[in-house]
């Protein structure tokens, strides 16, 4: 039964003429706005929720794989863990708050939560981008000087890289608080109820340079050098393999006619016995040196996915670099271009601003897919953990390692 409502006799009423249309126009507008909210924004919210789940689950799997699999506990994988941690908290903290900001016309959670949203956004997104730059630097050093850098590639050195990444991210976010306190008493919600980072020209200029433009420039240069180095080393490997195969095929075999002719010719030469032995040993030593030379020493030292011995793998490595750089630039470049425009006071449509923002967030969703798709060591842990077979994970990894080295068991 519906609860009765007490009506006071002193209450004021509005008399609506009988000829006026019902419901009023303002109520119709509210109903239209509510209908548009329930249809368009509901579908958008479902898509973003799926994106949040993919981001958190994918990056959590990267962290769990390194934590559970003994084979993956190498210093170079700690950079991937740092990247996955940053992207995980982007999906856990930043994206839900950004979804709330998207669904409501005005920021509904107050100035304190707005400060939390902007600070976490700046810190985590900057850490994600700078982590990508650190991974590129590490891969370049592995390829440019594999033997020397492999000895220096310790856990302590990688931890120093990770510390530098998060210090840079903290500087970018803390400086926004300092400028906000100097300009407008630390408030982040403007007069229109919008929660946003301080749109100051000086701050936006140096923040975008540190967060995006400088790391992107370094990544592009290093990835071009990595691509050239991988191509050059692969060509050298193929050339040395061809030379070794020719030397091995031309080498005389024991008991063959060529060996007997070779020895008969040497016996007929009027040379002292000692000098003849020295010359023969020197020739055989050079032949053995060529025969036993392994041209893939550089490739075995650098264990990244960018170096392989075959031409097919070389093309795959170049494709990997192209995918990584293309996805990163496509995701983040529109947002940082619009950030510079807004610092000059230019008007940007709301839909374009939101599209650029969520396109940048999608990079955190794609990072575990890209970096783990081209790394075979992560595929099996992902498959086993998604199938809830963590107890047999070590056994499956040992079987896969044995198969990759010695082939499938008979």
Protein backbone atom coordinates (compact mmCIF):
# COMPACT_ATOMS: atom_id res chain seq x y z
CA UNK A 1 0.00 0.00 0.00
CA UNK A 2 1.30 3.46 -0.87
CA UNK A 3 2.17 5.76 2.00
CA UNK A 4 -0.21 8.74 2.39
CA UNK A 5 1.20 12.23 2.14
CA UNK A 6 0.05 14.95 4.56
CA UNK A 7 -0.80 18.20 2.80
CA UNK A 8 -0.62 21.39 4.80
CA UNK A 9 -3.46 23.90 4.36
CA UNK A 10 -0.90 26.71 4.41
CA UNK A 11 1.11 25.30 1.53
CA UNK A 12 1.36 27.35 -1.64
CA UNK A 13 0.13 25.93 -4.89
CA UNK A 14 0.59 26.68 -8.55
CA UNK A 15 -2.62 26.73 -10.54
CA UNK A 16 -2.18 25.32 -14.00
CA UNK A 17 -4.74 26.47 -16.56
CA UNK A 18 -6.83 23.77 -18.09
CA UNK A 19 -5.82 24.87 -21.57
CA UNK A 20 -2.08 24.47 -20.87
CA UNK A 21 -0.32 21.37 -22.14
CA UNK A 22 0.62 18.63 -19.72
CA UNK A 23 3.30 17.72 -18.90
CA UNK A 24 5.17 21.06 -18.97
CA UNK A 25 8.02 21.64 -21.39
CA UNK A 26 10.72 21.53 -18.70
CA UNK A 27 9.50 18.13 -17.54
CA UNK A 28 9.55 16.88 -21.12
CA UNK A 29 13.14 18.07 -21.46
CA UNK A 30 14.08 16.24 -18.26
CA UNK A 31 12.49 13.06 -19.55
CA UNK A 32 14.33 13.34 -22.88
CA UNK A 33 17.61 13.93 -21.06
CA UNK A 34 16.96 10.94 -18.81
CA UNK A 35 16.15 8.74 -21.81
CA UNK A 36 19.34 9.79 -23.57
CA UNK A 37 21.30 9.06 -20.38
CA UNK A 38 19.88 5.58 -20.03
CA UNK A 39 20.55 4.58 -23.64
CA UNK A 40 23.77 6.20 -24.86
CA UNK A 41 25.68 6.53 -21.63
CA UNK A 42 24.62 3.11 -20.41
CA UNK A 43 26.16 1.44 -23.46
CA UNK A 44 29.27 3.60 -23.07
CA UNK A 45 29.53 2.66 -19.39
CA UNK A 46 29.29 -1.06 -20.23
CA UNK A 47 32.09 -0.75 -22.80
CA UNK A 48 34.29 1.16 -20.35
CA UNK A 49 33.63 -1.38 -17.59
CA UNK A 50 34.78 -4.15 -19.93
CA UNK A 51 37.88 -2.08 -20.67
CA UNK A 52 38.55 -1.65 -16.94
CA UNK A 53 38.23 -5.41 -16.34
CA UNK A 54 40.60 -6.21 -19.22
CA UNK A 55 43.14 -3.67 -17.94
CA UNK A 56 43.19 -4.93 -14.36
CA UNK A 57 43.11 -8.64 -15.22
CA UNK A 58 45.74 -8.42 -17.98
CA UNK A 59 48.26 -6.47 -15.92
CA UNK A 60 47.60 -8.60 -12.83
CA UNK A 61 48.44 -11.69 -14.90
CA UNK A 62 51.79 -10.14 -15.86
CA UNK A 63 52.68 -9.55 -12.21
CA UNK A 64 51.53 -13.02 -11.14
CA UNK A 65 53.46 -14.70 -13.95
CA UNK A 66 56.75 -13.14 -12.84
CA UNK A 67 55.93 -13.85 -9.20
CA UNK A 68 54.98 -17.53 -9.66
CA UNK A 69 57.19 -18.73 -12.51
CA UNK A 70 60.82 -19.23 -11.55
CA UNK A 71 61.98 -18.94 -15.14
CA UNK A 72 60.60 -15.40 -15.43
CA UNK A 73 62.33 -14.01 -12.34
CA UNK A 74 65.00 -12.20 -14.35
CA UNK A 75 66.02 -8.56 -13.80
CA UNK A 76 64.83 -7.51 -17.26
CA UNK A 77 61.30 -8.68 -16.45
CA UNK A 78 61.14 -6.36 -13.43
CA UNK A 79 60.67 -3.46 -15.86
CA UNK A 80 57.63 -5.25 -17.27
CA UNK A 81 56.33 -5.68 -13.72
CA UNK A 82 56.77 -1.95 -13.06
CA UNK A 83 54.87 -1.18 -16.25
CA UNK A 84 52.15 -3.66 -15.32
CA UNK A 85 51.80 -2.16 -11.81
CA UNK A 86 51.33 1.32 -13.25
CA UNK A 87 48.78 0.10 -15.80
CA UNK A 88 47.01 -2.03 -13.17
CA UNK A 89 46.36 0.97 -10.95
CA UNK A 90 45.32 3.01 -13.98
CA UNK A 91 42.55 0.47 -14.46
CA UNK A 92 41.79 0.14 -10.74
CA UNK A 93 41.82 3.83 -9.68
CA UNK A 94 41.97 6.24 -12.60
CA UNK A 95 39.51 4.67 -15.03
CA UNK A 96 36.60 4.29 -12.54
CA UNK A 97 36.95 7.93 -11.46
CA UNK A 98 37.16 9.01 -15.08
CA UNK A 99 33.98 6.99 -15.76
CA UNK A 100 32.18 8.87 -12.97
CA UNK A 101 33.34 12.15 -14.47
CA UNK A 102 32.04 10.99 -17.85
CA UNK A 103 28.59 9.96 -16.68
CA UNK A 104 27.80 13.19 -14.81
CA UNK A 105 27.70 16.71 -16.18
CA UNK A 106 29.39 18.06 -13.05
CA UNK A 107 31.96 16.42 -10.78
CA UNK A 108 29.88 14.86 -7.98
CA UNK A 109 32.56 13.74 -5.50
CA UNK A 110 33.96 17.02 -4.24
CA UNK A 111 37.33 18.74 -4.41
CA UNK A 112 39.23 16.14 -2.36
CA UNK A 113 38.35 13.23 -4.65
CA UNK A 114 39.05 15.46 -7.63
CA UNK A 115 42.56 15.99 -6.26
CA UNK A 116 42.95 12.22 -5.81
CA UNK A 117 41.77 11.63 -9.38
CA UNK A 118 44.08 14.17 -11.00
CA UNK A 119 47.10 13.16 -8.89
CA UNK A 120 46.71 9.45 -9.59
CA UNK A 121 46.07 10.19 -13.26
CA UNK A 122 49.26 12.22 -13.63
CA UNK A 123 51.42 9.84 -11.60
CA UNK A 124 50.29 6.52 -13.06
CA UNK A 125 50.00 7.57 -16.71
CA UNK A 126 53.41 9.26 -16.59
CA UNK A 127 54.92 6.17 -14.95
CA UNK A 128 53.41 3.97 -17.65
CA UNK A 129 54.87 6.07 -20.46
CA UNK A 130 58.31 6.45 -18.86
CA UNK A 131 58.39 2.69 -18.15
CA UNK A 132 58.00 2.09 -21.88
CA UNK A 133 60.97 4.39 -22.44
CA UNK A 134 63.05 2.49 -19.85
CA UNK A 135 62.23 -0.81 -21.56
CA UNK A 136 63.43 0.62 -24.88
CA UNK A 137 66.69 1.81 -23.28
CA UNK A 138 67.25 -1.62 -21.74
CA UNK A 139 66.66 -3.43 -25.03
CA UNK A 140 68.94 -1.07 -26.91
CA UNK A 141 71.79 -1.66 -24.44
CA UNK A 142 71.28 -5.42 -24.72
CA UNK A 143 71.61 -5.32 -28.50
CA UNK A 144 74.33 -2.67 -28.82
CA UNK A 145 76.69 -4.25 -26.25
CA UNK A 146 75.26 -7.66 -25.31
CA UNK A 147 78.23 -9.20 -23.53
CA UNK A 148 79.23 -6.10 -21.57
CA UNK A 149 75.69 -5.06 -20.61
CA UNK A 150 74.64 -8.61 -19.69
CA UNK A 151 77.20 -8.54 -16.89
CA UNK A 152 75.91 -5.16 -15.69
CA UNK A 153 72.23 -6.06 -16.02
CA UNK A 154 71.76 -6.86 -12.34
CA UNK A 155 68.73 -6.54 -10.12
CA UNK A 156 70.21 -3.46 -8.46
CA UNK A 157 70.66 -1.69 -11.78
CA UNK A 158 67.12 -2.47 -12.94
CA UNK A 159 65.74 -1.28 -9.60
CA UNK A 160 67.57 2.00 -10.14
CA UNK A 161 65.81 2.34 -13.51
CA UNK A 162 62.45 1.69 -11.87
CA UNK A 163 63.16 4.20 -9.10
CA UNK A 164 64.01 6.88 -11.67
CA UNK A 165 60.76 6.17 -13.51
CA UNK A 166 58.58 6.67 -10.44
CA UNK A 167 60.55 9.71 -9.26
CA UNK A 168 59.89 11.40 -12.62
CA UNK A 169 56.18 10.54 -12.33
CA UNK A 170 56.06 11.93 -8.78
CA UNK A 171 57.72 15.19 -9.87
CA UNK A 172 55.10 15.72 -12.57
CA UNK A 173 52.18 15.14 -10.16
CA UNK A 174 53.60 17.05 -7.17
CA UNK A 175 54.38 20.09 -9.30
CA UNK A 176 50.71 20.26 -10.30
CA UNK A 177 49.79 20.64 -6.60
CA UNK A 178 52.35 23.39 -6.13
CA UNK A 179 51.10 25.40 -9.10
CA UNK A 180 47.47 24.81 -8.08
CA UNK A 181 48.16 26.19 -4.60
CA UNK A 182 49.88 29.23 -6.07
CA UNK A 183 47.09 30.00 -8.57
CA UNK A 184 43.74 29.19 -6.98
CA UNK A 185 44.23 27.92 -3.43
CA UNK A 186 44.66 24.32 -4.47
CA UNK A 187 41.16 23.77 -5.87
CA UNK A 188 40.81 21.50 -8.88
CA UNK A 189 37.08 21.91 -9.62
CA UNK A 190 36.45 25.02 -11.71
CA UNK A 191 33.35 27.21 -11.78
CA UNK A 192 31.58 24.93 -14.25
CA UNK A 193 32.01 21.89 -11.98
CA UNK A 194 34.67 20.26 -14.16
CA UNK A 195 37.48 18.26 -12.50
CA UNK A 196 40.65 18.80 -14.46
CA UNK A 197 44.39 19.40 -14.18
CA UNK A 198 45.55 23.00 -13.89
CA UNK A 199 45.44 24.37 -17.47
CA UNK A 200 48.43 26.64 -16.96
CA UNK A 201 50.68 27.18 -19.97
CA UNK A 202 54.03 26.79 -18.19
CA UNK A 203 52.93 23.66 -16.30
CA UNK A 204 51.33 22.05 -19.34
CA UNK A 205 54.43 22.76 -21.43
CA UNK A 206 56.99 21.15 -19.16
CA UNK A 207 54.63 18.39 -17.98
CA UNK A 208 53.85 17.26 -21.52
CA UNK A 209 57.55 17.36 -22.43
CA UNK A 210 58.53 15.22 -19.43
CA UNK A 211 55.53 12.89 -19.62
CA UNK A 212 55.32 12.33 -23.36
CA UNK A 213 57.42 14.23 -25.87
CA UNK A 214 60.87 13.51 -24.40
CA UNK A 215 60.19 9.78 -23.76
CA UNK A 216 58.62 9.42 -27.20
CA UNK A 217 61.61 11.04 -28.90
CA UNK A 218 63.99 8.72 -27.03
CA UNK A 219 61.88 5.67 -27.85
CA UNK A 220 61.69 6.47 -31.55
CA UNK A 221 65.45 7.01 -31.85
CA UNK A 222 66.33 3.88 -29.85
CA UNK A 223 63.84 1.67 -31.65
CA UNK A 224 65.20 2.79 -35.01
CA UNK A 225 68.70 1.88 -33.81
CA UNK A 226 67.44 -1.44 -32.45
CA UNK A 227 65.79 -2.21 -35.78
CA UNK A 228 69.00 -1.41 -37.69
CA UNK A 229 71.16 -3.37 -35.25
CA UNK A 230 68.90 -6.41 -35.41
CA UNK A 231 68.92 -6.28 -39.20
CA UNK A 232 72.71 -5.89 -39.36
CA UNK A 233 73.42 -8.68 -36.87
CA UNK A 234 70.99 -11.01 -38.61
CA UNK A 235 72.73 -10.35 -41.94
CA UNK A 236 76.12 -11.05 -40.34
CA UNK A 237 74.80 -14.25 -38.82
CA UNK A 238 73.49 -15.50 -42.15
CA UNK A 239 76.78 -14.63 -43.85
CA UNK A 240 78.89 -16.40 -41.22
CA UNK A 241 76.61 -19.43 -41.29
CA UNK A 242 76.99 -19.61 -45.06
CA UNK A 243 80.79 -19.32 -44.83
CA UNK A 244 80.97 -22.00 -42.17
CA UNK A 245 78.82 -24.36 -44.19
CA UNK A 246 81.09 -23.83 -47.21
CA UNK A 247 84.24 -24.41 -45.12
CA UNK A 248 82.77 -27.53 -43.59
CA UNK A 249 81.78 -28.93 -46.99
CA UNK A 250 85.25 -28.23 -48.45
CA UNK A 251 87.11 -29.78 -45.50
CA UNK A 252 88.76 -33.15 -46.48
CA UNK A 253 87.38 -36.18 -44.73
CA UNK A 254 89.50 -38.97 -43.15
CA UNK A 255 90.23 -41.89 -45.46
CA UNK A 256 88.96 -40.14 -48.58
CA UNK A 257 90.87 -39.82 -51.84
CA UNK A 258 91.20 -36.08 -51.34
CA UNK A 259 92.89 -36.68 -47.98
CA UNK A 260 95.40 -39.11 -49.50
CA UNK A 261 96.21 -36.71 -52.33
CA UNK A 262 96.53 -33.92 -49.80
CA UNK A 263 99.03 -35.93 -47.73
CA UNK A 264 100.97 -37.18 -50.77
CA UNK A 265 101.39 -33.64 -52.02
CA UNK A 266 102.73 -32.59 -48.63
CA UNK A 267 105.18 -35.51 -48.50
CA UNK A 268 106.65 -34.57 -51.89
CA UNK A 269 107.42 -31.01 -50.84
CA UNK A 270 111.09 -30.63 -49.94
CA UNK A 271 110.58 -28.76 -46.67
CA UNK A 272 112.11 -29.53 -43.31
CA UNK A 273 109.91 -31.84 -41.23
CA UNK A 274 109.49 -29.38 -38.39
CA UNK A 275 108.40 -26.50 -40.65
CA UNK A 276 106.07 -28.83 -42.58
CA UNK A 277 104.40 -29.84 -39.32
CA UNK A 278 104.07 -26.26 -38.22
CA UNK A 279 102.49 -25.18 -41.50
CA UNK A 280 100.11 -28.12 -41.49
CA UNK A 281 99.06 -27.48 -37.89
CA UNK A 282 98.56 -23.80 -38.63
CA UNK A 283 96.34 -24.56 -41.60
CA UNK A 284 94.29 -27.12 -39.70
CA UNK A 285 94.02 -24.74 -36.75
CA UNK A 286 92.59 -22.02 -38.96
CA UNK A 287 90.18 -24.52 -40.47
CA UNK A 288 89.08 -25.74 -37.05
CA UNK A 289 88.69 -22.16 -35.89
CA UNK A 290 86.36 -21.39 -38.77
CA UNK A 291 84.50 -24.66 -38.37
CA UNK A 292 83.94 -24.35 -34.64
CA UNK A 293 82.98 -20.67 -34.74
CA UNK A 294 79.42 -20.08 -33.61
CA UNK A 295 78.14 -16.90 -35.25
CA UNK A 296 75.08 -16.68 -33.01
CA UNK A 297 76.96 -15.76 -29.84
CA UNK A 298 75.55 -12.26 -30.04
CA UNK A 299 72.06 -13.65 -30.47
CA UNK A 300 72.30 -16.08 -27.57
CA UNK A 301 73.52 -13.26 -25.32
CA UNK A 302 70.53 -11.05 -26.05
CA UNK A 303 67.45 -13.04 -25.11
CA UNK A 304 64.86 -10.45 -26.09
CA UNK A 305 62.27 -11.01 -28.77
CA UNK A 306 64.07 -8.64 -31.14
CA UNK A 307 66.98 -10.97 -32.05
CA UNK A 308 66.55 -14.29 -33.80
CA UNK A 309 68.72 -16.35 -36.07
CA UNK A 310 66.32 -16.79 -38.97
CA UNK A 311 65.04 -14.28 -41.44
CA UNK A 312 61.45 -15.01 -40.44
CA UNK A 313 62.14 -14.07 -36.83
CA UNK A 314 63.99 -10.95 -37.95
CA UNK A 315 60.88 -9.79 -39.82
CA UNK A 316 58.79 -10.63 -36.77
CA UNK A 317 61.07 -8.51 -34.57
CA UNK A 318 60.73 -5.54 -36.91
CA UNK A 319 56.96 -6.04 -36.93
CA UNK A 320 56.96 -6.08 -33.12
CA UNK A 321 58.77 -2.75 -32.98
CA UNK A 322 56.34 -1.28 -35.47
CA UNK A 323 53.31 -2.46 -33.49
CA UNK A 324 54.70 -1.19 -30.18
CA UNK A 325 55.55 2.28 -31.43
CA UNK A 326 52.43 2.64 -33.56
CA UNK A 327 50.03 1.71 -30.74
CA UNK A 328 51.81 3.95 -28.25
CA UNK A 329 51.84 7.01 -30.53
CA UNK A 330 48.25 6.49 -31.73
CA UNK A 331 46.99 6.20 -28.15
CA UNK A 332 48.76 9.14 -26.53
CA UNK A 333 49.65 11.67 -29.23
CA UNK A 334 46.11 13.15 -29.69
CA UNK A 335 45.71 13.74 -25.95
CA UNK A 336 49.00 15.60 -25.54
CA UNK A 337 48.42 17.69 -28.65
CA UNK A 338 45.05 18.79 -27.26
CA UNK A 339 46.70 19.51 -23.88
CA UNK A 340 49.00 22.03 -25.56
CA UNK A 341 46.08 23.61 -27.41
CA UNK A 342 44.06 23.96 -24.20
CA UNK A 343 46.98 25.63 -22.44
CA UNK A 344 46.78 28.39 -25.08
CA UNK A 345 43.09 28.90 -24.26
CA UNK A 346 41.75 27.23 -27.39
CA UNK A 347 38.28 25.73 -27.19
CA UNK A 348 38.16 21.94 -27.65
CA UNK A 349 34.85 20.06 -28.07
CA UNK A 350 33.98 17.90 -25.09
CA UNK A 351 33.54 14.76 -27.18
CA UNK A 352 36.99 15.19 -28.74
CA UNK A 353 38.61 15.80 -25.36
CA UNK A 354 36.99 12.68 -23.88
CA UNK A 355 37.88 10.58 -26.92
CA UNK A 356 41.54 11.57 -26.68
CA UNK A 357 41.57 10.89 -22.93
CA UNK A 358 40.12 7.38 -23.18
CA UNK A 359 42.27 6.60 -26.19
CA UNK A 360 45.27 7.30 -23.97
CA UNK A 361 43.86 5.11 -21.21
CA UNK A 362 43.45 2.27 -23.70
CA UNK A 363 47.23 2.06 -23.98
CA UNK A 364 47.26 0.59 -20.46
CA UNK A 365 44.83 -2.06 -21.70
CA UNK A 366 46.91 -2.89 -24.76
CA UNK A 367 50.35 -2.93 -23.10
CA UNK A 368 50.10 -6.44 -21.56
CA UNK A 369 48.64 -7.79 -24.79
CA UNK A 370 51.43 -6.36 -26.94
CA UNK A 371 54.41 -7.12 -24.75
CA UNK A 372 53.22 -10.61 -23.82
CA UNK A 373 51.96 -11.65 -27.24
CA UNK A 374 55.50 -11.42 -28.65
CA UNK A 375 57.13 -13.02 -25.59
CA UNK A 376 56.66 -16.79 -25.60
CA UNK A 377 57.68 -17.09 -21.95
CA UNK A 378 54.46 -15.34 -20.88
CA UNK A 379 51.98 -17.19 -23.08
CA UNK A 380 51.92 -20.47 -21.18
CA UNK A 381 51.62 -18.85 -17.71
CA UNK A 382 48.74 -16.74 -19.02
CA UNK A 383 46.98 -19.80 -20.40
CA UNK A 384 47.47 -21.83 -17.24
CA UNK A 385 46.40 -19.05 -14.88
CA UNK A 386 43.30 -18.24 -16.92
CA UNK A 387 42.41 -21.94 -16.76
CA UNK A 388 42.97 -21.91 -12.95
CA UNK A 389 45.83 -24.44 -13.17
CA UNK A 390 48.37 -22.58 -11.05
CA UNK A 391 49.33 -25.75 -9.12
CA UNK A 392 50.78 -27.41 -12.23
CA UNK A 393 52.30 -24.24 -13.66
CA UNK A 394 55.92 -25.10 -12.82
CA UNK A 395 55.58 -28.59 -14.33
CA UNK A 396 54.12 -27.24 -17.56
CA UNK A 397 56.90 -24.62 -17.80
CA UNK A 398 59.59 -27.30 -17.36
CA UNK A 399 58.01 -29.44 -20.06
CA UNK A 400 57.85 -26.46 -22.39
CA UNK A 401 61.51 -25.61 -21.72
CA UNK A 402 62.56 -29.21 -22.42
CA UNK A 403 60.53 -29.31 -25.64
CA UNK A 404 61.95 -26.01 -26.89
CA UNK A 405 65.53 -27.25 -26.35
CA UNK A 406 65.42 -30.92 -27.32
CA UNK A 407 62.19 -31.27 -29.25
CA UNK A 408 59.03 -33.19 -28.35
CA UNK A 409 59.53 -36.46 -26.49
CA UNK A 410 59.31 -39.65 -28.53
